[in-house]
Structure formats: C-alpha cells, structure tokens
C-alpha cells in the first residue's frame, strides 16, 4: 500500500511540475511578445493589423526568441510588404501564371486543418521571375487567408511529374522563393513534401539546400513510393481519401483553371474587406475568350474534390 501511495504522489508531482513548466513557458512567451511590441514602437494602418500577437510570436520563434533579431526581421518584412503590397495583388494580375496549375491551393486540408499548396514545377508556363513571385506570394497569402481559426501554418505538396532539366526551376527563382518564405512568412510552413523527385534533381538540391535555414531545412521531407517510412510519414499528415493519386492517395486530381479563377475572384473581395479596402465586385477579368465577374459567378465547388 505504501508503495502504491508513493507511486501516486510521484506521478502527481511530475504532472504538477509539467503543468507549471507549461505555464512558465506561456508567461515567458507573452512577456517576449510584449517586449517586441514595445520595441517596434507605434504602428498604424496595415502594419498594425499585420503585427498582431500571433505574428510577433512567429517572428520571435523564427529568431529563437531574441528580441533584437526578431525586431530586425519584422522591420524588414514591413518594408517589403510596404513595397510589394502582397495584400493588394489580385487574381486578375497573376491568372496567366496559374493557367497550367503549376501552383494552386488545394480544396482539402491536412489532418491538422492546414491549408495545402500544390506545386508542380514541371508545369512551368512563363518566363518572368517577377510575375512568378507575385503569383506565389498571392497564393501564400490566399492559403493563410483560408486557414481555420487557431491554425497558422500551411503544408506544401510538390509533384515532380514532368520535371526535367529543360523545365527546371532556375536557381535564382528557387533562391527568391526561399527568401520570401523564410524571411517574410516565418513559421507559416509546417512541412513541404517533395514527392518522388527524379535522380537528376539531386544536383539541383545540393545547391538549393544551402539557401535554407536550419528550421526550414527540417521541414522538407522527401517521399518515395517504394520507401515505406517516407510514405507513412506523409500519410500521417494527410487522409488517404483526400490525398491525390499523384501523391499516392486515392483522390482524383484535376486542376480546373476556370473554376479556380472563380474561387479566387470571390476570395479577392473577402480578403480586401479584411484588410479594410474595397475591391469592386463588378470588376470583370478575362481568361482566354471568357469573362468572369465576381458578382455573377456561382458558389465554387472543390477544384480537386476528394474521391468518394
């Protein structure tokens, strides 16, 4: 009996210590957020809206809770956002980049409710690096806008179908993508699965990986259909019924550019309202020989519906 009582109190003490440790970590986190807020000084407009507590926490985490480094990183992002104006990019501006579905937001989430971006580098259809980056930034912003409450991160699925040296993403483009993701969207990426890259990708990866910081590098996962462990890891993030067949799942994936454009047109209006500026719903843009006006389009259906 004495041994049972001793074990009970030992277990209780451990749980109590763990609980207190979590409380201490939370208090320390809030204290750091408050310090960073003070260090940033008075903000206004979109900078004030952008720098909420969750945002400050992400920048602190990206810089290992160092106030000075987090402030420098956030200052640079605010300057970048002021010049780049990612929240003002409309689908109309980048729709041509999306015609082949080389990057788009999937209609499903991962098991944690994260938005999912599907990237298919073998479907590259344009030459302008600036436009390609605006397209990517637009979709990152859209993925974040569509996150459920309480979730701050997205997942990337990268399909190498059709990828070759001739369709290879230039090193400059890869470096700029990494720069934007790491420096201006810290802690927004939960995981990036590179599915079945060809052997010739190894040479490209040997160069690109040096642009990744340690935190981002740990989030990149290679998946090969014949490697059971890598497949199981990916399936721990995704329901097999939602995962497209291109990634070893059961869902039939078909990118419909017109349907996706309707969805983005509606999201543009909602996102603009959330940022506090108007985007005219009667604005009509052209896709090929067709015209789409956000005020007349029906409610969107899934771009890549799950198999039933």
C-alpha atoms as a PDB file:
ATOM      1  CA  UNK A   1       0.000   0.000   0.000  1.00  0.00           C
ATOM      2  CA  UNK A   2       2.819   2.398   0.920  1.00  0.00           C
ATOM      3  CA  UNK A   3       4.444   1.722  -2.467  1.00  0.00           C
ATOM      4  CA  UNK A   4       1.186   2.473  -4.293  1.00  0.00           C
ATOM      5  CA  UNK A   5       0.797   5.758  -2.413  1.00  0.00           C
ATOM      6  CA  UNK A   6       4.428   6.670  -3.130  1.00  0.00           C
ATOM      7  CA  UNK A   7       3.955   5.981  -6.853  1.00  0.00           C
ATOM      8  CA  UNK A   8       0.771   8.056  -6.879  1.00  0.00           C
ATOM      9  CA  UNK A   9       2.461  11.084  -5.327  1.00  0.00           C
ATOM     10  CA  UNK A  10       5.477  10.712  -7.632  1.00  0.00           C
ATOM     11  CA  UNK A  11       3.200  10.690 -10.679  1.00  0.00           C
ATOM     12  CA  UNK A  12       1.189  13.635  -9.299  1.00  0.00           C
ATOM     13  CA  UNK A  13       4.376  15.626  -8.706  1.00  0.00           C
ATOM     14  CA  UNK A  14       5.576  15.010 -12.261  1.00  0.00           C
ATOM     15  CA  UNK A  15       2.261  16.148 -13.726  1.00  0.00           C
ATOM     16  CA  UNK A  16       2.227  19.172 -11.481  1.00  0.00           C
ATOM     17  CA  UNK A  17       5.785  20.111 -12.467  1.00  0.00           C
ATOM     18  CA  UNK A  18       4.922  19.661 -16.138  1.00  0.00           C
ATOM     19  CA  UNK A  19       1.863  21.866 -15.742  1.00  0.00           C
ATOM     20  CA  UNK A  20       3.864  24.582 -14.007  1.00  0.00           C
ATOM     21  CA  UNK A  21       6.543  24.365 -16.694  1.00  0.00           C
ATOM     22  CA  UNK A  22       3.940  24.920 -19.414  1.00  0.00           C
ATOM     23  CA  UNK A  23       2.544  27.884 -17.511  1.00  0.00           C
ATOM     24  CA  UNK A  24       6.030  29.356 -17.112  1.00  0.00           C
ATOM     25  CA  UNK A  25       6.740  28.912 -20.832  1.00  0.00           C
ATOM     26  CA  UNK A  26       3.450  30.604 -21.692  1.00  0.00           C
ATOM     27  CA  UNK A  27       4.159  33.531 -19.381  1.00  0.00           C
ATOM     28  CA  UNK A  28       7.670  33.887 -20.775  1.00  0.00           C
ATOM     29  CA  UNK A  29       6.266  33.823 -24.307  1.00  0.00           C
ATOM     30  CA  UNK A  30       3.746  36.555 -23.530  1.00  0.00           C
ATOM     31  CA  UNK A  31       6.478  38.614 -21.884  1.00  0.00           C
ATOM     32  CA  UNK A  32       8.648  38.362 -25.019  1.00  0.00           C
ATOM     33  CA  UNK A  33       5.712  39.325 -27.232  1.00  0.00           C
ATOM     34  CA  UNK A  34       5.114  42.377 -25.059  1.00  0.00           C
ATOM     35  CA  UNK A  35       8.803  43.321 -25.238  1.00  0.00           C
ATOM     36  CA  UNK A  36       8.834  43.022 -29.019  1.00  0.00           C
ATOM     37  CA  UNK A  37       5.656  45.080 -29.268  1.00  0.00           C
ATOM     38  CA  UNK A  38       7.297  47.835 -27.245  1.00  0.00           C
ATOM     39  CA  UNK A  39      10.493  47.631 -29.298  1.00  0.00           C
ATOM     40  CA  UNK A  40       8.530  48.002 -32.542  1.00  0.00           C
ATOM     41  CA  UNK A  41       7.047  51.282 -31.351  1.00  0.00           C
ATOM     42  CA  UNK A  42       3.739  52.738 -32.511  1.00  0.00           C
ATOM     43  CA  UNK A  43       2.348  51.196 -35.703  1.00  0.00           C
ATOM     44  CA  UNK A  44      -0.607  52.192 -37.828  1.00  0.00           C
ATOM     45  CA  UNK A  45      -2.693  51.057 -40.770  1.00  0.00           C
ATOM     46  CA  UNK A  46      -1.886  47.719 -42.326  1.00  0.00           C
ATOM     47  CA  UNK A  47       1.336  47.349 -40.340  1.00  0.00           C
ATOM     48  CA  UNK A  48      -0.686  47.483 -37.131  1.00  0.00           C
ATOM     49  CA  UNK A  49      -3.143  44.907 -38.460  1.00  0.00           C
ATOM     50  CA  UNK A  50      -0.316  42.645 -39.611  1.00  0.00           C
ATOM     51  CA  UNK A  51       1.600  42.782 -36.319  1.00  0.00           C
ATOM     52  CA  UNK A  52      -0.860  41.057 -34.023  1.00  0.00           C
ATOM     53  CA  UNK A  53       0.377  38.942 -31.114  1.00  0.00           C
ATOM     54  CA  UNK A  54       0.394  35.732 -33.166  1.00  0.00           C
ATOM     55  CA  UNK A  55       2.544  37.430 -35.802  1.00  0.00           C
ATOM     56  CA  UNK A  56       5.030  38.706 -33.223  1.00  0.00           C
ATOM     57  CA  UNK A  57       5.213  35.225 -31.729  1.00  0.00           C
ATOM     58  CA  UNK A  58       6.081  33.710 -35.117  1.00  0.00           C
ATOM     59  CA  UNK A  59       8.916  36.175 -35.683  1.00  0.00           C
ATOM     60  CA  UNK A  60      10.242  35.554 -32.180  1.00  0.00           C
ATOM     61  CA  UNK A  61      10.155  31.803 -32.710  1.00  0.00           C
ATOM     62  CA  UNK A  62      11.942  32.163 -36.040  1.00  0.00           C
ATOM     63  CA  UNK A  63      14.731  34.036 -34.274  1.00  0.00           C
ATOM     64  CA  UNK A  64      14.880  31.812 -31.200  1.00  0.00           C
ATOM     65  CA  UNK A  65      13.096  34.413 -29.049  1.00  0.00           C
ATOM     66  CA  UNK A  66      15.809  37.010 -29.489  1.00  0.00           C
ATOM     67  CA  UNK A  67      14.072  40.404 -29.350  1.00  0.00           C
ATOM     68  CA  UNK A  68      16.638  42.346 -31.398  1.00  0.00           C
ATOM     69  CA  UNK A  69      16.844  39.745 -34.158  1.00  0.00           C
ATOM     70  CA  UNK A  70      13.055  39.335 -34.295  1.00  0.00           C
ATOM     71  CA  UNK A  71      12.610  43.110 -34.494  1.00  0.00           C
ATOM     72  CA  UNK A  72      15.116  43.378 -37.335  1.00  0.00           C
ATOM     73  CA  UNK A  73      13.377  40.581 -39.207  1.00  0.00           C
ATOM     74  CA  UNK A  74       9.944  42.119 -38.714  1.00  0.00           C
ATOM     75  CA  UNK A  75      11.163  45.593 -39.711  1.00  0.00           C
ATOM     76  CA  UNK A  76      12.479  44.141 -42.964  1.00  0.00           C
ATOM     77  CA  UNK A  77       9.172  42.380 -43.621  1.00  0.00           C
ATOM     78  CA  UNK A  78       7.180  45.574 -43.046  1.00  0.00           C
ATOM     79  CA  UNK A  79       9.418  47.388 -45.545  1.00  0.00           C
ATOM     80  CA  UNK A  80       8.984  44.529 -48.013  1.00  0.00           C
ATOM     81  CA  UNK A  81       5.194  44.480 -47.570  1.00  0.00           C
ATOM     82  CA  UNK A  82       5.039  48.244 -47.988  1.00  0.00           C
ATOM     83  CA  UNK A  83       6.838  47.976 -51.345  1.00  0.00           C
ATOM     84  CA  UNK A  84       5.485  44.634 -52.599  1.00  0.00           C
ATOM     85  CA  UNK A  85       1.913  45.127 -51.268  1.00  0.00           C
ATOM     86  CA  UNK A  86       1.062  41.405 -51.244  1.00  0.00           C
ATOM     87  CA  UNK A  87      -2.425  42.025 -49.851  1.00  0.00           C
ATOM     88  CA  UNK A  88      -3.287  44.101 -52.942  1.00  0.00           C
ATOM     89  CA  UNK A  89      -2.343  41.510 -55.554  1.00  0.00           C
ATOM     90  CA  UNK A  90      -5.476  40.304 -57.319  1.00  0.00           C
ATOM     91  CA  UNK A  91      -6.018  37.077 -59.203  1.00  0.00           C
ATOM     92  CA  UNK A  92      -6.558  39.135 -62.347  1.00  0.00           C
ATOM     93  CA  UNK A  93      -2.904  40.185 -62.206  1.00  0.00           C
ATOM     94  CA  UNK A  94      -1.473  36.677 -61.893  1.00  0.00           C
ATOM     95  CA  UNK A  95      -4.102  34.460 -63.532  1.00  0.00           C
ATOM     96  CA  UNK A  96      -1.894  33.784 -66.560  1.00  0.00           C
ATOM     97  CA  UNK A  97       0.679  32.232 -64.234  1.00  0.00           C
ATOM     98  CA  UNK A  98      -1.932  29.776 -62.996  1.00  0.00           C
ATOM     99  CA  UNK A  99      -3.191  28.501 -66.330  1.00  0.00           C
ATOM    100  CA  UNK A 100      -1.354  25.174 -66.065  1.00  0.00           C
ATOM    101  CA  UNK A 101      -1.962  24.725 -62.345  1.00  0.00           C
ATOM    102  CA  UNK A 102       1.745  24.862 -61.534  1.00  0.00           C
ATOM    103  CA  UNK A 103       0.858  26.258 -58.088  1.00  0.00           C
ATOM    104  CA  UNK A 104      -2.588  26.347 -56.506  1.00  0.00           C
ATOM    105  CA  UNK A 105      -4.402  25.941 -53.218  1.00  0.00           C
ATOM    106  CA  UNK A 106      -5.951  22.503 -52.833  1.00  0.00           C
ATOM    107  CA  UNK A 107      -9.587  22.091 -51.853  1.00  0.00           C
ATOM    108  CA  UNK A 108      -8.606  19.878 -48.900  1.00  0.00           C
ATOM    109  CA  UNK A 109      -6.672  20.458 -45.669  1.00  0.00           C
ATOM    110  CA  UNK A 110      -4.214  18.209 -43.895  1.00  0.00           C
ATOM    111  CA  UNK A 111      -5.126  16.322 -40.715  1.00  0.00           C
ATOM    112  CA  UNK A 112      -4.360  19.429 -38.650  1.00  0.00           C
ATOM    113  CA  UNK A 113      -6.580  21.745 -40.670  1.00  0.00           C
ATOM    114  CA  UNK A 114      -3.717  23.404 -42.531  1.00  0.00           C
ATOM    115  CA  UNK A 115      -4.188  24.912 -45.977  1.00  0.00           C
ATOM    116  CA  UNK A 116      -2.358  22.961 -48.677  1.00  0.00           C
ATOM    117  CA  UNK A 117      -0.488  24.396 -51.638  1.00  0.00           C
ATOM    118  CA  UNK A 118       0.224  22.018 -54.509  1.00  0.00           C
ATOM    119  CA  UNK A 119       3.320  22.879 -56.545  1.00  0.00           C
ATOM    120  CA  UNK A 120       4.064  21.243 -59.894  1.00  0.00           C
ATOM    121  CA  UNK A 121       7.360  22.686 -61.190  1.00  0.00           C
ATOM    122  CA  UNK A 122       7.129  20.560 -64.335  1.00  0.00           C
ATOM    123  CA  UNK A 123       4.123  22.683 -65.390  1.00  0.00           C
ATOM    124  CA  UNK A 124       6.054  25.961 -65.663  1.00  0.00           C
ATOM    125  CA  UNK A 125       4.488  28.115 -68.383  1.00  0.00           C
ATOM    126  CA  UNK A 126       6.056  31.591 -68.114  1.00  0.00           C
ATOM    127  CA  UNK A 127       9.447  33.316 -68.132  1.00  0.00           C
ATOM    128  CA  UNK A 128       9.080  36.390 -65.923  1.00  0.00           C
ATOM    129  CA  UNK A 129      10.557  35.779 -62.463  1.00  0.00           C
ATOM    130  CA  UNK A 130       8.804  38.866 -61.067  1.00  0.00           C
ATOM    131  CA  UNK A 131       5.374  37.645 -62.167  1.00  0.00           C
ATOM    132  CA  UNK A 132       6.108  34.134 -60.928  1.00  0.00           C
ATOM    133  CA  UNK A 133       6.962  35.501 -57.488  1.00  0.00           C
ATOM    134  CA  UNK A 134       3.820  37.658 -57.406  1.00  0.00           C
ATOM    135  CA  UNK A 135       1.786  34.566 -58.258  1.00  0.00           C
ATOM    136  CA  UNK A 136       3.429  32.551 -55.481  1.00  0.00           C
ATOM    137  CA  UNK A 137       3.031  35.352 -52.932  1.00  0.00           C
ATOM    138  CA  UNK A 138      -0.622  35.730 -53.923  1.00  0.00           C
ATOM    139  CA  UNK A 139      -1.226  32.043 -53.245  1.00  0.00           C
ATOM    140  CA  UNK A 140       0.682  32.089 -49.947  1.00  0.00           C
ATOM    141  CA  UNK A 141      -1.499  34.996 -48.831  1.00  0.00           C
ATOM    142  CA  UNK A 142      -4.586  33.136 -50.020  1.00  0.00           C
ATOM    143  CA  UNK A 143      -3.569  29.958 -48.179  1.00  0.00           C
ATOM    144  CA  UNK A 144      -3.114  31.977 -44.981  1.00  0.00           C
ATOM    145  CA  UNK A 145      -6.429  33.776 -45.508  1.00  0.00           C
ATOM    146  CA  UNK A 146      -8.192  30.401 -45.731  1.00  0.00           C
ATOM    147  CA  UNK A 147      -6.689  28.922 -42.559  1.00  0.00           C
ATOM    148  CA  UNK A 148      -9.241  27.864 -39.943  1.00  0.00           C
ATOM    149  CA  UNK A 149      -9.254  29.690 -36.622  1.00  0.00           C
ATOM    150  CA  UNK A 150      -6.414  28.563 -34.384  1.00  0.00           C
ATOM    151  CA  UNK A 151      -4.242  27.282 -37.248  1.00  0.00           C
ATOM    152  CA  UNK A 152      -1.332  29.396 -38.509  1.00  0.00           C
ATOM    153  CA  UNK A 153       0.538  27.110 -40.888  1.00  0.00           C
ATOM    154  CA  UNK A 154       0.253  25.608 -44.341  1.00  0.00           C
ATOM    155  CA  UNK A 155       1.607  22.453 -45.954  1.00  0.00           C
ATOM    156  CA  UNK A 156       3.199  22.146 -49.386  1.00  0.00           C
ATOM    157  CA  UNK A 157       2.931  19.128 -51.689  1.00  0.00           C
ATOM    158  CA  UNK A 158       5.424  19.199 -54.551  1.00  0.00           C
ATOM    159  CA  UNK A 159       4.744  16.930 -57.544  1.00  0.00           C
ATOM    160  CA  UNK A 160       7.689  16.292 -59.869  1.00  0.00           C
ATOM    161  CA  UNK A 161       5.662  14.829 -62.737  1.00  0.00           C
ATOM    162  CA  UNK A 162       7.052  16.275 -65.960  1.00  0.00           C
ATOM    163  CA  UNK A 163      10.073  17.755 -64.227  1.00  0.00           C
ATOM    164  CA  UNK A 164      13.317  17.661 -66.227  1.00  0.00           C
ATOM    165  CA  UNK A 165      16.419  19.723 -66.754  1.00  0.00           C
ATOM    166  CA  UNK A 166      14.619  21.631 -69.510  1.00  0.00           C
ATOM    167  CA  UNK A 167      11.713  22.535 -67.193  1.00  0.00           C
ATOM    168  CA  UNK A 168      13.950  23.013 -64.179  1.00  0.00           C
ATOM    169  CA  UNK A 169      13.254  25.977 -61.892  1.00  0.00           C
ATOM    170  CA  UNK A 170      16.195  28.420 -62.203  1.00  0.00           C
ATOM    171  CA  UNK A 171      18.415  28.668 -59.135  1.00  0.00           C
ATOM    172  CA  UNK A 172      17.557  32.370 -58.918  1.00  0.00           C
ATOM    173  CA  UNK A 173      13.846  31.553 -58.746  1.00  0.00           C
ATOM    174  CA  UNK A 174      14.360  28.884 -56.078  1.00  0.00           C
ATOM    175  CA  UNK A 175      16.508  31.253 -54.014  1.00  0.00           C
ATOM    176  CA  UNK A 176      13.906  34.041 -54.204  1.00  0.00           C
ATOM    177  CA  UNK A 177      11.116  31.626 -53.235  1.00  0.00           C
ATOM    178  CA  UNK A 178      13.093  30.515 -50.190  1.00  0.00           C
ATOM    179  CA  UNK A 179      13.959  34.102 -49.292  1.00  0.00           C
ATOM    180  CA  UNK A 180      10.325  35.200 -49.338  1.00  0.00           C
ATOM    181  CA  UNK A 181       9.081  32.161 -47.437  1.00  0.00           C
ATOM    182  CA  UNK A 182      11.767  32.211 -44.736  1.00  0.00           C
ATOM    183  CA  UNK A 183      12.155  35.937 -44.194  1.00  0.00           C
ATOM    184  CA  UNK A 184       8.650  37.263 -44.754  1.00  0.00           C
ATOM    185  CA  UNK A 185       6.426  34.320 -43.811  1.00  0.00           C
ATOM    186  CA  UNK A 186       8.317  32.801 -40.847  1.00  0.00           C
ATOM    187  CA  UNK A 187       6.724  29.785 -39.186  1.00  0.00           C
ATOM    188  CA  UNK A 188       3.984  29.706 -41.809  1.00  0.00           C
ATOM    189  CA  UNK A 189       5.272  26.493 -43.390  1.00  0.00           C
ATOM    190  CA  UNK A 190       4.630  23.360 -41.369  1.00  0.00           C
ATOM    191  CA  UNK A 191       6.012  20.831 -43.830  1.00  0.00           C
ATOM    192  CA  UNK A 192       6.939  20.507 -47.513  1.00  0.00           C
ATOM    193  CA  UNK A 193       6.736  17.053 -49.090  1.00  0.00           C
ATOM    194  CA  UNK A 194       8.820  16.552 -52.233  1.00  0.00           C
ATOM    195  CA  UNK A 195       7.179  13.549 -53.871  1.00  0.00           C
ATOM    196  CA  UNK A 196       9.288  11.183 -55.942  1.00  0.00           C
ATOM    197  CA  UNK A 197      11.817  13.639 -57.383  1.00  0.00           C
ATOM    198  CA  UNK A 198      13.907  12.194 -60.242  1.00  0.00           C
ATOM    199  CA  UNK A 199      17.536  11.342 -59.681  1.00  0.00           C
ATOM    200  CA  UNK A 200      18.718  14.356 -61.664  1.00  0.00           C
ATOM    201  CA  UNK A 201      17.056  16.557 -59.019  1.00  0.00           C
ATOM    202  CA  UNK A 202      19.865  15.646 -56.604  1.00  0.00           C
ATOM    203  CA  UNK A 203      22.311  18.056 -58.266  1.00  0.00           C
ATOM    204  CA  UNK A 204      19.772  20.883 -58.066  1.00  0.00           C
ATOM    205  CA  UNK A 205      19.031  20.093 -54.402  1.00  0.00           C
ATOM    206  CA  UNK A 206      22.718  20.143 -53.464  1.00  0.00           C
ATOM    207  CA  UNK A 207      22.796  23.810 -54.423  1.00  0.00           C
ATOM    208  CA  UNK A 208      19.344  24.881 -53.208  1.00  0.00           C
ATOM    209  CA  UNK A 209      19.582  23.357 -49.736  1.00  0.00           C
ATOM    210  CA  UNK A 210      22.285  25.862 -48.759  1.00  0.00           C
ATOM    211  CA  UNK A 211      19.732  28.655 -49.053  1.00  0.00           C
ATOM    212  CA  UNK A 212      17.580  27.052 -46.355  1.00  0.00           C
ATOM    213  CA  UNK A 213      17.966  27.947 -42.704  1.00  0.00           C
ATOM    214  CA  UNK A 214      18.059  25.106 -40.178  1.00  0.00           C
ATOM    215  CA  UNK A 215      14.376  25.432 -39.223  1.00  0.00           C
ATOM    216  CA  UNK A 216      13.130  25.328 -42.822  1.00  0.00           C
ATOM    217  CA  UNK A 217      15.520  22.525 -43.764  1.00  0.00           C
ATOM    218  CA  UNK A 218      13.955  20.306 -41.089  1.00  0.00           C
ATOM    219  CA  UNK A 219      10.517  20.835 -42.638  1.00  0.00           C
ATOM    220  CA  UNK A 220      11.496  19.495 -46.066  1.00  0.00           C
ATOM    221  CA  UNK A 221      10.644  15.812 -46.454  1.00  0.00           C
ATOM    222  CA  UNK A 222      11.448  13.592 -49.430  1.00  0.00           C
ATOM    223  CA  UNK A 223       8.878  10.919 -50.209  1.00  0.00           C
ATOM    224  CA  UNK A 224       9.489   7.922 -52.460  1.00  0.00           C
ATOM    225  CA  UNK A 225       6.689   5.425 -53.253  1.00  0.00           C
ATOM    226  CA  UNK A 226       8.962   2.457 -52.539  1.00  0.00           C
ATOM    227  CA  UNK A 227      10.202   3.866 -49.242  1.00  0.00           C
ATOM    228  CA  UNK A 228       7.609   2.778 -46.698  1.00  0.00           C
ATOM    229  CA  UNK A 229       8.777   5.091 -43.916  1.00  0.00           C
ATOM    230  CA  UNK A 230       8.592   8.207 -46.092  1.00  0.00           C
ATOM    231  CA  UNK A 231       5.134   7.217 -47.372  1.00  0.00           C
ATOM    232  CA  UNK A 232       3.874   6.602 -43.845  1.00  0.00           C
ATOM    233  CA  UNK A 233       5.224   9.973 -42.732  1.00  0.00           C
ATOM    234  CA  UNK A 234       3.285  11.760 -45.459  1.00  0.00           C
ATOM    235  CA  UNK A 235       0.118   9.817 -44.701  1.00  0.00           C
ATOM    236  CA  UNK A 236       0.405  10.802 -41.054  1.00  0.00           C
ATOM    237  CA  UNK A 237      -0.259  14.348 -42.304  1.00  0.00           C
ATOM    238  CA  UNK A 238      -2.939  13.563 -44.895  1.00  0.00           C
ATOM    239  CA  UNK A 239      -6.087  11.490 -45.130  1.00  0.00           C
ATOM    240  CA  UNK A 240      -5.537   9.000 -47.954  1.00  0.00           C
ATOM    241  CA  UNK A 241      -9.037   9.744 -49.280  1.00  0.00           C
ATOM    242  CA  UNK A 242      -8.078  13.410 -49.760  1.00  0.00           C
ATOM    243  CA  UNK A 243      -4.536  12.861 -50.990  1.00  0.00           C
ATOM    244  CA  UNK A 244      -4.370  12.947 -54.818  1.00  0.00           C
ATOM    245  CA  UNK A 245      -3.253   9.840 -56.684  1.00  0.00           C
ATOM    246  CA  UNK A 246      -0.201  11.822 -57.867  1.00  0.00           C
ATOM    247  CA  UNK A 247       0.933  11.690 -54.236  1.00  0.00           C
ATOM    248  CA  UNK A 248      -0.032   8.071 -53.624  1.00  0.00           C
ATOM    249  CA  UNK A 249      -3.547   8.805 -52.391  1.00  0.00           C
ATOM    250  CA  UNK A 250      -6.995   7.946 -53.725  1.00  0.00           C
ATOM    251  CA  UNK A 251      -8.415  11.330 -54.786  1.00  0.00           C
ATOM    252  CA  UNK A 252      -8.656  12.151 -58.475  1.00  0.00           C
ATOM    253  CA  UNK A 253      -6.871  15.428 -59.065  1.00  0.00           C
ATOM    254  CA  UNK A 254      -7.878  17.657 -61.950  1.00  0.00           C
ATOM    255  CA  UNK A 255      -6.985  21.324 -61.916  1.00  0.00           C
ATOM    256  CA  UNK A 256      -9.771  23.407 -63.430  1.00  0.00           C
ATOM    257  CA  UNK A 257      -8.390  26.868 -64.139  1.00  0.00           C
ATOM    258  CA  UNK A 258     -11.785  28.476 -64.762  1.00  0.00           C
ATOM    259  CA  UNK A 259     -13.263  27.076 -61.573  1.00  0.00           C
ATOM    260  CA  UNK A 260     -10.199  28.036 -59.545  1.00  0.00           C
ATOM    261  CA  UNK A 261     -10.385  31.549 -61.004  1.00  0.00           C
ATOM    262  CA  UNK A 262     -13.968  31.900 -59.802  1.00  0.00           C
ATOM    263  CA  UNK A 263     -12.907  30.843 -56.341  1.00  0.00           C
ATOM    264  CA  UNK A 264     -10.009  33.315 -56.305  1.00  0.00           C
ATOM    265  CA  UNK A 265     -12.227  36.169 -57.544  1.00  0.00           C
ATOM    266  CA  UNK A 266     -14.509  35.641 -54.575  1.00  0.00           C
ATOM    267  CA  UNK A 267     -11.581  35.341 -52.165  1.00  0.00           C
ATOM    268  CA  UNK A 268     -10.121  38.592 -53.521  1.00  0.00           C
ATOM    269  CA  UNK A 269     -13.190  40.516 -52.414  1.00  0.00           C
ATOM    270  CA  UNK A 270     -13.266  38.869 -48.976  1.00  0.00           C
ATOM    271  CA  UNK A 271      -9.533  39.414 -48.427  1.00  0.00           C
ATOM    272  CA  UNK A 272      -9.751  43.065 -49.469  1.00  0.00           C
ATOM    273  CA  UNK A 273     -12.561  43.614 -46.982  1.00  0.00           C
ATOM    274  CA  UNK A 274     -10.492  42.005 -44.223  1.00  0.00           C
ATOM    275  CA  UNK A 275      -7.645  44.445 -44.962  1.00  0.00           C
ATOM    276  CA  UNK A 276     -10.028  47.383 -44.984  1.00  0.00           C
ATOM    277  CA  UNK A 277     -10.061  48.393 -48.644  1.00  0.00           C
ATOM    278  CA  UNK A 278     -12.596  47.903 -51.413  1.00  0.00           C
ATOM    279  CA  UNK A 279     -12.169  45.677 -54.417  1.00  0.00           C
ATOM    280  CA  UNK A 280     -15.000  46.288 -56.824  1.00  0.00           C
ATOM    281  CA  UNK A 281     -17.146  43.132 -57.194  1.00  0.00           C
ATOM    282  CA  UNK A 282     -18.271  44.236 -60.658  1.00  0.00           C
ATOM    283  CA  UNK A 283     -14.690  44.140 -61.906  1.00  0.00           C
ATOM    284  CA  UNK A 284     -14.508  41.725 -64.823  1.00  0.00           C
ATOM    285  CA  UNK A 285     -11.367  39.999 -65.956  1.00  0.00           C
ATOM    286  CA  UNK A 286     -10.610  37.825 -68.949  1.00  0.00           C
ATOM    287  CA  UNK A 287      -9.426  34.243 -69.155  1.00  0.00           C
ATOM    288  CA  UNK A 288      -8.874  33.288 -72.744  1.00  0.00           C
ATOM    289  CA  UNK A 289     -12.101  34.143 -74.580  1.00  0.00           C
ATOM    290  CA  UNK A 290     -14.209  34.031 -71.397  1.00  0.00           C
ATOM    291  CA  UNK A 291     -15.146  36.777 -68.988  1.00  0.00           C
ATOM    292  CA  UNK A 292     -15.613  36.338 -65.267  1.00  0.00           C
ATOM    293  CA  UNK A 293     -17.293  38.833 -62.992  1.00  0.00           C
ATOM    294  CA  UNK A 294     -17.270  38.037 -59.293  1.00  0.00           C
ATOM    295  CA  UNK A 295     -20.824  39.303 -58.874  1.00  0.00           C
ATOM    296  CA  UNK A 296     -22.354  36.696 -61.196  1.00  0.00           C
ATOM    297  CA  UNK A 297     -20.323  33.584 -60.502  1.00  0.00           C
ATOM    298  CA  UNK A 298     -21.912  30.687 -58.585  1.00  0.00           C
ATOM    299  CA  UNK A 299     -20.608  29.363 -55.304  1.00  0.00           C
ATOM    300  CA  UNK A 300     -17.347  27.495 -56.046  1.00  0.00           C
ATOM    301  CA  UNK A 301     -17.056  23.748 -55.853  1.00  0.00           C
ATOM    302  CA  UNK A 302     -13.860  21.880 -54.984  1.00  0.00           C
ATOM    303  CA  UNK A 303     -11.068  22.245 -57.523  1.00  0.00           C
ATOM    304  CA  UNK A 304      -9.714  18.815 -56.667  1.00  0.00           C
ATOM    305  CA  UNK A 305     -12.580  17.018 -54.888  1.00  0.00           C
ATOM    306  CA  UNK A 306     -11.934  14.059 -52.666  1.00  0.00           C
ATOM    307  CA  UNK A 307     -12.758  10.642 -54.062  1.00  0.00           C
ATOM    308  CA  UNK A 308     -15.906   9.194 -52.525  1.00  0.00           C
END
